[in-house]
Amino acid sequence: MKRKLFLFSIILNIFLFSFLCFGAYYKRASLANYVTKYYNTIFLKKELEKIGEQFGEFSHQKYQAEIQLINNNHNKKIKIAILGNSLTLIPDWNGGAGLTASEPSKDYVHILLNTISTEKKLNIEYLILNIAEFEREFEGFNFNRLEIIRNFEPDIIIFQIGENVLTERLRIKGELFINNYVSLISYCSGENVIICLPFWPEKEKINLITEVALKSESYLVDLSHLGSGIDPLNFASSERKYDNPGVGAHPGDYGMNNIAKLLFITLNKIIE
């Protein structure tokens, strides 16, 4: 009797294992997408938080900005300021580009500005600043260090920040983050303000930054689906190999172009 039960158990396990293998094979595409999405939204984000302080070393020159000009001999001019983090500007990366863009002309900032100039027939004065320090020190950030923005008096300000803020701090100090982000926007005093949801999606950040947009009456551009893993081509690691997975998780040329497109949708309406 025991031998029969043992044989039945073996046969049943073989049948169940075969059934599971068949199911996994049949659903292999869905499983692959799920694993990819989970990897990119959970593991890589944790990697970025671990090495967040390392990204700080890229930001030493973040306030040494100069007003730059795109002059295509148009009759009108607009002033634009873009305040971001490593996605927006790393002074020592390829001559001053967003991290992992292959060259400055292929990061989202320069794609966007050149598109505006061409499509709207405008010359553009612009400032680009890396303010990743606000993400790491939003509790006591010194707004006076951004006096250059107030003096510039931009027609449009874009804020691309949030990726480097630690989720654990937001769970404790979420209300303070909202208030200080709104104060940051108010201090910079732009006529039209666009704020971005983070490239890497996290529920806490999406909810809090959406609240910032409501309180500051700003335009909101959602970048979060680009870094969700739905389309792995948005990551720089799809274009070239990086030793640091956090760096490779930044947008490459393809991802940068998609960021620029999303921002231009809103700017296309703002700039009549």
C-alpha atoms as a PDB file:
ATOM      1  CA  MET A   1       0.000   0.000   0.000  1.00  0.00           C
ATOM      2  CA  LYS A   2       2.793   2.407   0.900  1.00  0.00           C
ATOM      3  CA  ARG A   3       4.577   1.584  -2.349  1.00  0.00           C
ATOM      4  CA  LYS A   4       1.439   2.394  -4.339  1.00  0.00           C
ATOM      5  CA  LEU A   5       1.034   5.711  -2.541  1.00  0.00           C
ATOM      6  CA  PHE A   6       4.704   6.519  -3.184  1.00  0.00           C
ATOM      7  CA  LEU A   7       4.359   5.769  -6.907  1.00  0.00           C
ATOM      8  CA  PHE A   8       1.122   7.780  -7.074  1.00  0.00           C
ATOM      9  CA  SER A   9       2.869  10.710  -5.372  1.00  0.00           C
ATOM     10  CA  ILE A  10       5.729  10.603  -7.886  1.00  0.00           C
ATOM     11  CA  ILE A  11       3.332  10.450 -10.847  1.00  0.00           C
ATOM     12  CA  LEU A  12       1.246  13.311  -9.436  1.00  0.00           C
ATOM     13  CA  ASN A  13       4.347  15.503  -8.883  1.00  0.00           C
ATOM     14  CA  ILE A  14       5.564  14.798 -12.414  1.00  0.00           C
ATOM     15  CA  PHE A  15       2.133  15.725 -13.777  1.00  0.00           C
ATOM     16  CA  LEU A  16       1.968  18.959 -11.761  1.00  0.00           C
ATOM     17  CA  PHE A  17       5.523  19.924 -12.704  1.00  0.00           C
ATOM     18  CA  SER A  18       4.777  19.307 -16.379  1.00  0.00           C
ATOM     19  CA  PHE A  19       1.593  21.346 -16.091  1.00  0.00           C
ATOM     20  CA  LEU A  20       3.487  24.250 -14.514  1.00  0.00           C
ATOM     21  CA  CYS A  21       6.202  24.099 -17.172  1.00  0.00           C
ATOM     22  CA  PHE A  22       3.582  24.131 -19.927  1.00  0.00           C
ATOM     23  CA  GLY A  23       1.825  27.082 -18.293  1.00  0.00           C
ATOM     24  CA  ALA A  24       5.077  28.992 -17.898  1.00  0.00           C
ATOM     25  CA  TYR A  25       5.978  28.345 -21.533  1.00  0.00           C
ATOM     26  CA  TYR A  26       2.509  29.350 -22.738  1.00  0.00           C
ATOM     27  CA  LYS A  27       2.649  32.576 -20.685  1.00  0.00           C
ATOM     28  CA  ARG A  28       6.369  33.188 -21.203  1.00  0.00           C
ATOM     29  CA  ALA A  29       5.910  36.622 -22.794  1.00  0.00           C
ATOM     30  CA  SER A  30       3.692  37.868 -19.955  1.00  0.00           C
ATOM     31  CA  LEU A  31       6.051  36.461 -17.336  1.00  0.00           C
ATOM     32  CA  ALA A  32       9.055  38.060 -19.013  1.00  0.00           C
ATOM     33  CA  ASN A  33       7.328  41.445 -19.061  1.00  0.00           C
ATOM     34  CA  TYR A  34       6.359  41.088 -15.399  1.00  0.00           C
ATOM     35  CA  VAL A  35       9.885  40.154 -14.338  1.00  0.00           C
ATOM     36  CA  THR A  36      11.382  42.993 -16.376  1.00  0.00           C
ATOM     37  CA  LYS A  37       8.956  45.519 -14.904  1.00  0.00           C
ATOM     38  CA  TYR A  38       9.546  44.259 -11.371  1.00  0.00           C
ATOM     39  CA  TYR A  39      13.322  44.379 -11.825  1.00  0.00           C
ATOM     40  CA  ASN A  40      13.335  47.906 -13.172  1.00  0.00           C
ATOM     41  CA  THR A  41      10.824  49.424 -10.761  1.00  0.00           C
ATOM     42  CA  ILE A  42      11.977  47.692  -7.566  1.00  0.00           C
ATOM     43  CA  PHE A  43      15.554  46.439  -7.753  1.00  0.00           C
ATOM     44  CA  LEU A  44      17.028  49.229  -9.865  1.00  0.00           C
ATOM     45  CA  LYS A  45      15.288  51.897  -7.824  1.00  0.00           C
ATOM     46  CA  LYS A  46      16.768  50.442  -4.647  1.00  0.00           C
ATOM     47  CA  GLU A  47      20.170  50.455  -6.342  1.00  0.00           C
ATOM     48  CA  LEU A  48      19.708  54.132  -7.173  1.00  0.00           C
ATOM     49  CA  GLU A  49      18.826  54.942  -3.585  1.00  0.00           C
ATOM     50  CA  LYS A  50      21.918  53.098  -2.355  1.00  0.00           C
ATOM     51  CA  ILE A  51      24.218  55.029  -4.640  1.00  0.00           C
ATOM     52  CA  GLY A  52      22.322  58.314  -4.389  1.00  0.00           C
ATOM     53  CA  GLU A  53      25.198  59.913  -2.540  1.00  0.00           C
ATOM     54  CA  GLN A  54      27.579  58.908  -5.327  1.00  0.00           C
ATOM     55  CA  PHE A  55      25.547  60.960  -7.789  1.00  0.00           C
ATOM     56  CA  GLY A  56      26.168  63.958  -5.572  1.00  0.00           C
ATOM     57  CA  GLU A  57      29.760  64.098  -6.722  1.00  0.00           C
ATOM     58  CA  PHE A  58      28.536  64.996 -10.208  1.00  0.00           C
ATOM     59  CA  SER A  59      26.822  68.123  -8.911  1.00  0.00           C
ATOM     60  CA  HIS A  60      29.654  70.293  -7.607  1.00  0.00           C
ATOM     61  CA  GLN A  61      29.213  72.912 -10.338  1.00  0.00           C
ATOM     62  CA  LYS A  62      25.414  73.013 -10.248  1.00  0.00           C
ATOM     63  CA  TYR A  63      25.147  76.726  -9.426  1.00  0.00           C
ATOM     64  CA  GLN A  64      27.898  77.939 -11.724  1.00  0.00           C
ATOM     65  CA  ALA A  65      25.503  78.363 -14.622  1.00  0.00           C
ATOM     66  CA  GLU A  66      25.745  80.901 -17.406  1.00  0.00           C
ATOM     67  CA  ILE A  67      22.908  82.201 -19.524  1.00  0.00           C
ATOM     68  CA  GLN A  68      23.127  80.567 -22.930  1.00  0.00           C
ATOM     69  CA  LEU A  69      21.489  81.456 -26.231  1.00  0.00           C
ATOM     70  CA  ILE A  70      19.957  79.662 -29.177  1.00  0.00           C
ATOM     71  CA  ASN A  71      19.886  82.287 -31.935  1.00  0.00           C
ATOM     72  CA  ASN A  72      18.202  81.188 -35.142  1.00  0.00           C
ATOM     73  CA  ASN A  73      17.593  84.763 -36.299  1.00  0.00           C
ATOM     74  CA  HIS A  74      13.943  84.798 -35.327  1.00  0.00           C
ATOM     75  CA  ASN A  75      12.130  88.011 -34.464  1.00  0.00           C
ATOM     76  CA  LYS A  76      11.047  86.972 -30.962  1.00  0.00           C
ATOM     77  CA  LYS A  77      12.813  85.608 -27.901  1.00  0.00           C
ATOM     78  CA  ILE A  78      11.783  83.538 -24.896  1.00  0.00           C
ATOM     79  CA  LYS A  79      13.587  82.817 -21.618  1.00  0.00           C
ATOM     80  CA  ILE A  80      13.520  79.270 -20.224  1.00  0.00           C
ATOM     81  CA  ALA A  81      15.077  77.847 -17.048  1.00  0.00           C
ATOM     82  CA  ILE A  82      15.393  74.104 -16.465  1.00  0.00           C
ATOM     83  CA  LEU A  83      16.177  72.896 -12.936  1.00  0.00           C
ATOM     84  CA  GLY A  84      16.811  69.192 -12.561  1.00  0.00           C
ATOM     85  CA  ASN A  85      19.159  66.475 -11.435  1.00  0.00           C
ATOM     86  CA  SER A  86      21.477  64.040 -13.206  1.00  0.00           C
ATOM     87  CA  LEU A  87      18.895  63.476 -15.969  1.00  0.00           C
ATOM     88  CA  THR A  88      19.109  67.190 -16.793  1.00  0.00           C
ATOM     89  CA  LEU A  89      22.778  68.108 -16.399  1.00  0.00           C
ATOM     90  CA  ILE A  90      26.098  66.634 -15.382  1.00  0.00           C
ATOM     91  CA  PRO A  91      28.742  69.315 -16.073  1.00  0.00           C
ATOM     92  CA  ASP A  92      31.497  66.751 -16.667  1.00  0.00           C
ATOM     93  CA  TRP A  93      29.425  64.323 -18.752  1.00  0.00           C
ATOM     94  CA  ASN A  94      30.103  64.642 -22.493  1.00  0.00           C
ATOM     95  CA  GLY A  95      30.739  68.360 -22.214  1.00  0.00           C
ATOM     96  CA  GLY A  96      27.671  69.152 -20.131  1.00  0.00           C
ATOM     97  CA  ALA A  97      24.791  66.809 -20.916  1.00  0.00           C
ATOM     98  CA  GLY A  98      22.198  64.835 -19.036  1.00  0.00           C
ATOM     99  CA  LEU A  99      23.702  61.651 -17.627  1.00  0.00           C
ATOM    100  CA  THR A 100      23.977  58.813 -20.198  1.00  0.00           C
ATOM    101  CA  ALA A 101      23.059  60.948 -23.213  1.00  0.00           C
ATOM    102  CA  SER A 102      25.647  60.152 -25.878  1.00  0.00           C
ATOM    103  CA  GLU A 103      26.224  63.880 -26.492  1.00  0.00           C
ATOM    104  CA  PRO A 104      24.668  67.189 -25.355  1.00  0.00           C
ATOM    105  CA  SER A 105      22.518  67.532 -28.478  1.00  0.00           C
ATOM    106  CA  LYS A 106      20.821  64.213 -27.624  1.00  0.00           C
ATOM    107  CA  ASP A 107      19.801  64.909 -24.034  1.00  0.00           C
ATOM    108  CA  TYR A 108      16.211  65.958 -23.421  1.00  0.00           C
ATOM    109  CA  VAL A 109      17.110  69.572 -22.612  1.00  0.00           C
ATOM    110  CA  HIS A 110      18.789  70.341 -25.919  1.00  0.00           C
ATOM    111  CA  ILE A 111      16.299  68.324 -27.974  1.00  0.00           C
ATOM    112  CA  LEU A 112      13.476  70.239 -26.308  1.00  0.00           C
ATOM    113  CA  LEU A 113      15.017  73.698 -26.674  1.00  0.00           C
ATOM    114  CA  ASN A 114      15.923  73.164 -30.312  1.00  0.00           C
ATOM    115  CA  THR A 115      12.425  71.872 -31.033  1.00  0.00           C
ATOM    116  CA  ILE A 116      10.876  74.950 -29.421  1.00  0.00           C
ATOM    117  CA  SER A 117      13.143  77.278 -31.383  1.00  0.00           C
ATOM    118  CA  THR A 118      12.357  75.542 -34.684  1.00  0.00           C
ATOM    119  CA  GLU A 119       8.645  74.891 -34.237  1.00  0.00           C
ATOM    120  CA  LYS A 120       7.769  78.184 -32.545  1.00  0.00           C
ATOM    121  CA  LYS A 121      10.280  80.320 -34.456  1.00  0.00           C
ATOM    122  CA  LEU A 122      11.872  81.728 -31.322  1.00  0.00           C
ATOM    123  CA  ASN A 123      15.355  82.595 -30.153  1.00  0.00           C
ATOM    124  CA  ILE A 124      15.902  81.182 -26.665  1.00  0.00           C
ATOM    125  CA  GLU A 125      17.864  82.437 -23.677  1.00  0.00           C
ATOM    126  CA  TYR A 126      18.191  79.584 -21.216  1.00  0.00           C
ATOM    127  CA  LEU A 127      19.674  78.446 -17.924  1.00  0.00           C
ATOM    128  CA  ILE A 128      20.238  74.815 -16.928  1.00  0.00           C
ATOM    129  CA  LEU A 129      20.942  73.989 -13.269  1.00  0.00           C
ATOM    130  CA  ASN A 130      21.463  70.710 -11.423  1.00  0.00           C
ATOM    131  CA  ILE A 131      19.654  71.139  -8.097  1.00  0.00           C
ATOM    132  CA  ALA A 132      19.918  67.526  -6.896  1.00  0.00           C
ATOM    133  CA  GLU A 133      20.942  69.037  -3.559  1.00  0.00           C
ATOM    134  CA  PHE A 134      17.312  70.056  -3.000  1.00  0.00           C
ATOM    135  CA  GLU A 135      16.267  66.414  -3.361  1.00  0.00           C
ATOM    136  CA  ARG A 136      18.745  65.292  -0.716  1.00  0.00           C
ATOM    137  CA  GLU A 137      18.329  68.287   1.615  1.00  0.00           C
ATOM    138  CA  PHE A 138      14.786  69.564   1.018  1.00  0.00           C
ATOM    139  CA  GLU A 139      14.291  70.059   4.785  1.00  0.00           C
ATOM    140  CA  GLY A 140      16.797  72.908   4.954  1.00  0.00           C
ATOM    141  CA  PHE A 141      17.628  73.907   1.392  1.00  0.00           C
ATOM    142  CA  ASN A 142      18.887  77.488   1.019  1.00  0.00           C
ATOM    143  CA  PHE A 143      16.749  79.066  -1.703  1.00  0.00           C
ATOM    144  CA  ASN A 144      19.024  82.110  -1.868  1.00  0.00           C
ATOM    145  CA  ARG A 145      21.526  79.990  -3.772  1.00  0.00           C
ATOM    146  CA  LEU A 146      19.075  80.139  -6.679  1.00  0.00           C
ATOM    147  CA  GLU A 147      19.069  83.923  -6.896  1.00  0.00           C
ATOM    148  CA  ILE A 148      20.440  83.550 -10.423  1.00  0.00           C
ATOM    149  CA  ILE A 149      17.027  82.172 -11.455  1.00  0.00           C
ATOM    150  CA  ARG A 150      15.101  85.063  -9.873  1.00  0.00           C
ATOM    151  CA  ASN A 151      17.347  87.576 -11.591  1.00  0.00           C
ATOM    152  CA  PHE A 152      16.951  85.751 -14.894  1.00  0.00           C
ATOM    153  CA  GLU A 153      13.142  86.203 -14.744  1.00  0.00           C
ATOM    154  CA  PRO A 154      12.287  83.247 -16.987  1.00  0.00           C
ATOM    155  CA  ASP A 155       9.091  83.039 -18.987  1.00  0.00           C
ATOM    156  CA  ILE A 156       9.029  79.297 -18.363  1.00  0.00           C
ATOM    157  CA  ILE A 157      10.585  77.150 -15.618  1.00  0.00           C
ATOM    158  CA  ILE A 158      10.763  73.364 -15.796  1.00  0.00           C
ATOM    159  CA  PHE A 159      11.445  71.372 -12.610  1.00  0.00           C
ATOM    160  CA  GLN A 160      12.704  67.827 -13.236  1.00  0.00           C
ATOM    161  CA  ILE A 161      13.390  66.593  -9.720  1.00  0.00           C
ATOM    162  CA  GLY A 162      12.231  63.894  -7.314  1.00  0.00           C
ATOM    163  CA  GLU A 163      14.184  60.846  -8.410  1.00  0.00           C
ATOM    164  CA  ASN A 164      16.830  61.197  -5.680  1.00  0.00           C
ATOM    165  CA  VAL A 165      14.480  61.875  -2.774  1.00  0.00           C
ATOM    166  CA  LEU A 166      14.476  58.862  -0.448  1.00  0.00           C
ATOM    167  CA  THR A 167      11.026  57.320  -0.123  1.00  0.00           C
ATOM    168  CA  GLU A 168      11.560  56.600   3.568  1.00  0.00           C
ATOM    169  CA  ARG A 169      12.009  60.326   4.248  1.00  0.00           C
ATOM    170  CA  LEU A 170       8.888  61.194   2.296  1.00  0.00           C
ATOM    171  CA  ARG A 171       6.814  58.795   4.386  1.00  0.00           C
ATOM    172  CA  ILE A 172       7.860  60.752   7.474  1.00  0.00           C
ATOM    173  CA  LYS A 173       8.221  64.266   6.054  1.00  0.00           C
ATOM    174  CA  GLY A 174       5.862  64.243   3.077  1.00  0.00           C
ATOM    175  CA  GLU A 175       4.033  67.407   4.089  1.00  0.00           C
ATOM    176  CA  LEU A 176       7.324  69.262   4.565  1.00  0.00           C
ATOM    177  CA  PHE A 177       8.468  68.113   1.122  1.00  0.00           C
ATOM    178  CA  ILE A 178       5.269  69.472  -0.445  1.00  0.00           C
ATOM    179  CA  ASN A 179       5.570  72.817   1.342  1.00  0.00           C
ATOM    180  CA  ASN A 180       9.254  73.282   0.544  1.00  0.00           C
ATOM    181  CA  TYR A 181       8.815  72.271  -3.098  1.00  0.00           C
ATOM    182  CA  VAL A 182       6.003  74.827  -3.410  1.00  0.00           C
ATOM    183  CA  SER A 183       8.291  77.408  -1.746  1.00  0.00           C
ATOM    184  CA  LEU A 184      11.053  76.534  -4.222  1.00  0.00           C
ATOM    185  CA  ILE A 185       8.681  77.162  -7.128  1.00  0.00           C
ATOM    186  CA  SER A 186       7.505  80.419  -5.592  1.00  0.00           C
ATOM    187  CA  TYR A 187      11.060  81.625  -4.951  1.00  0.00           C
ATOM    188  CA  CYS A 188      12.138  81.027  -8.553  1.00  0.00           C
ATOM    189  CA  SER A 189       9.159  83.095  -9.698  1.00  0.00           C
ATOM    190  CA  GLY A 190       8.569  81.879 -13.238  1.00  0.00           C
ATOM    191  CA  GLU A 191       5.624  83.066 -15.306  1.00  0.00           C
ATOM    192  CA  ASN A 192       4.750  79.509 -16.378  1.00  0.00           C
ATOM    193  CA  VAL A 193       5.869  76.499 -14.324  1.00  0.00           C
ATOM    194  CA  ILE A 194       6.077  72.860 -15.390  1.00  0.00           C
ATOM    195  CA  ILE A 195       6.927  70.149 -12.880  1.00  0.00           C
ATOM    196  CA  CYS A 196       7.667  66.536 -13.770  1.00  0.00           C
ATOM    197  CA  LEU A 197       6.690  63.294 -12.124  1.00  0.00           C
ATOM    198  CA  PRO A 198       9.843  61.183 -11.629  1.00  0.00           C
ATOM    199  CA  PHE A 199      11.233  59.024 -14.423  1.00  0.00           C
ATOM    200  CA  TRP A 200      11.273  56.030 -12.024  1.00  0.00           C
ATOM    201  CA  PRO A 201       7.722  55.589 -10.697  1.00  0.00           C
ATOM    202  CA  GLU A 202       7.027  55.373  -6.992  1.00  0.00           C
ATOM    203  CA  LYS A 203       3.555  55.828  -5.529  1.00  0.00           C
ATOM    204  CA  GLU A 204       4.611  58.158  -2.709  1.00  0.00           C
ATOM    205  CA  LYS A 205       6.502  60.502  -5.009  1.00  0.00           C
ATOM    206  CA  ILE A 206       3.768  60.541  -7.645  1.00  0.00           C
ATOM    207  CA  ASN A 207       1.124  61.425  -5.051  1.00  0.00           C
ATOM    208  CA  LEU A 208       3.182  64.111  -3.313  1.00  0.00           C
ATOM    209  CA  ILE A 209       4.440  65.817  -6.470  1.00  0.00           C
ATOM    210  CA  THR A 210       0.922  65.788  -7.911  1.00  0.00           C
ATOM    211  CA  GLU A 211      -0.128  67.649  -4.750  1.00  0.00           C
ATOM    212  CA  VAL A 212       2.715  70.130  -5.345  1.00  0.00           C
ATOM    213  CA  ALA A 213       1.361  70.796  -8.843  1.00  0.00           C
ATOM    214  CA  LEU A 214      -2.114  71.444  -7.445  1.00  0.00           C
ATOM    215  CA  LYS A 215      -0.920  73.777  -4.681  1.00  0.00           C
ATOM    216  CA  SER A 216       1.461  75.728  -6.929  1.00  0.00           C
ATOM    217  CA  GLU A 217      -0.970  75.813  -9.877  1.00  0.00           C
ATOM    218  CA  SER A 218       1.727  74.355 -12.112  1.00  0.00           C
ATOM    219  CA  TYR A 219       1.552  72.240 -15.232  1.00  0.00           C
ATOM    220  CA  LEU A 220       2.318  68.567 -14.580  1.00  0.00           C
ATOM    221  CA  VAL A 221       4.153  66.290 -17.026  1.00  0.00           C
ATOM    222  CA  ASP A 222       4.198  62.574 -16.236  1.00  0.00           C
ATOM    223  CA  LEU A 223       7.516  60.867 -17.031  1.00  0.00           C
ATOM    224  CA  SER A 224       6.931  57.903 -14.734  1.00  0.00           C
ATOM    225  CA  HIS A 225       5.839  55.392 -17.364  1.00  0.00           C
ATOM    226  CA  LEU A 226       9.098  55.891 -19.270  1.00  0.00           C
ATOM    227  CA  GLY A 227      11.178  54.464 -16.413  1.00  0.00           C
ATOM    228  CA  SER A 228       8.659  51.812 -15.389  1.00  0.00           C
ATOM    229  CA  GLY A 229      10.190  49.094 -17.547  1.00  0.00           C
ATOM    230  CA  ILE A 230       7.255  48.898 -19.957  1.00  0.00           C
ATOM    231  CA  ASP A 231       9.679  49.893 -22.707  1.00  0.00           C
ATOM    232  CA  PRO A 232      13.240  48.850 -21.724  1.00  0.00           C
ATOM    233  CA  LEU A 233      14.614  50.859 -24.653  1.00  0.00           C
ATOM    234  CA  ASN A 234      14.169  53.985 -22.531  1.00  0.00           C
ATOM    235  CA  PHE A 235      17.099  52.859 -20.357  1.00  0.00           C
ATOM    236  CA  ALA A 236      20.660  53.699 -21.372  1.00  0.00           C
ATOM    237  CA  SER A 237      21.639  50.085 -20.615  1.00  0.00           C
ATOM    238  CA  SER A 238      19.743  49.090 -23.757  1.00  0.00           C
ATOM    239  CA  GLU A 239      22.169  51.188 -25.844  1.00  0.00           C
ATOM    240  CA  ARG A 240      25.511  50.467 -24.188  1.00  0.00           C
ATOM    241  CA  LYS A 241      26.971  48.574 -21.226  1.00  0.00           C
ATOM    242  CA  TYR A 242      27.490  50.335 -17.877  1.00  0.00           C
ATOM    243  CA  ASP A 243      29.291  48.863 -14.889  1.00  0.00           C
ATOM    244  CA  ASN A 244      26.956  50.702 -12.520  1.00  0.00           C
ATOM    245  CA  PRO A 245      23.325  49.517 -12.909  1.00  0.00           C
ATOM    246  CA  GLY A 246      22.060  52.801 -11.490  1.00  0.00           C
ATOM    247  CA  VAL A 247      23.778  54.745 -14.262  1.00  0.00           C
ATOM    248  CA  GLY A 248      22.482  52.315 -16.879  1.00  0.00           C
ATOM    249  CA  ALA A 249      18.949  52.836 -15.556  1.00  0.00           C
ATOM    250  CA  HIS A 250      19.068  56.493 -16.622  1.00  0.00           C
ATOM    251  CA  PRO A 251      17.456  57.390 -19.944  1.00  0.00           C
ATOM    252  CA  GLY A 252      19.666  56.908 -22.992  1.00  0.00           C
ATOM    253  CA  ASP A 253      19.239  58.806 -26.252  1.00  0.00           C
ATOM    254  CA  TYR A 254      15.924  57.060 -26.952  1.00  0.00           C
ATOM    255  CA  GLY A 255      14.606  57.786 -23.461  1.00  0.00           C
ATOM    256  CA  MET A 256      15.820  61.392 -23.577  1.00  0.00           C
ATOM    257  CA  ASN A 257      13.960  61.931 -26.835  1.00  0.00           C
ATOM    258  CA  ASN A 258      10.771  60.600 -25.264  1.00  0.00           C
ATOM    259  CA  ILE A 259      11.151  62.962 -22.285  1.00  0.00           C
ATOM    260  CA  ALA A 260      11.541  65.898 -24.675  1.00  0.00           C
ATOM    261  CA  LYS A 261       8.408  64.864 -26.587  1.00  0.00           C
ATOM    262  CA  LEU A 262       6.299  64.719 -23.438  1.00  0.00           C
ATOM    263  CA  LEU A 263       7.477  68.145 -22.278  1.00  0.00           C
ATOM    264  CA  PHE A 264       6.915  69.676 -25.710  1.00  0.00           C
ATOM    265  CA  ILE A 265       3.261  68.562 -25.664  1.00  0.00           C
ATOM    266  CA  THR A 266       2.678  70.984 -22.783  1.00  0.00           C
ATOM    267  CA  LEU A 267       5.009  73.691 -24.060  1.00  0.00           C
ATOM    268  CA  ASN A 268       3.358  73.547 -27.466  1.00  0.00           C
ATOM    269  CA  LYS A 269       0.189  74.775 -25.770  1.00  0.00           C
ATOM    270  CA  ILE A 270       1.848  77.285 -23.427  1.00  0.00           C
ATOM    271  CA  ILE A 271       3.788  78.996 -26.220  1.00  0.00           C
ATOM    272  CA  GLU A 272       1.120  80.200 -28.636  1.00  0.00           C
END
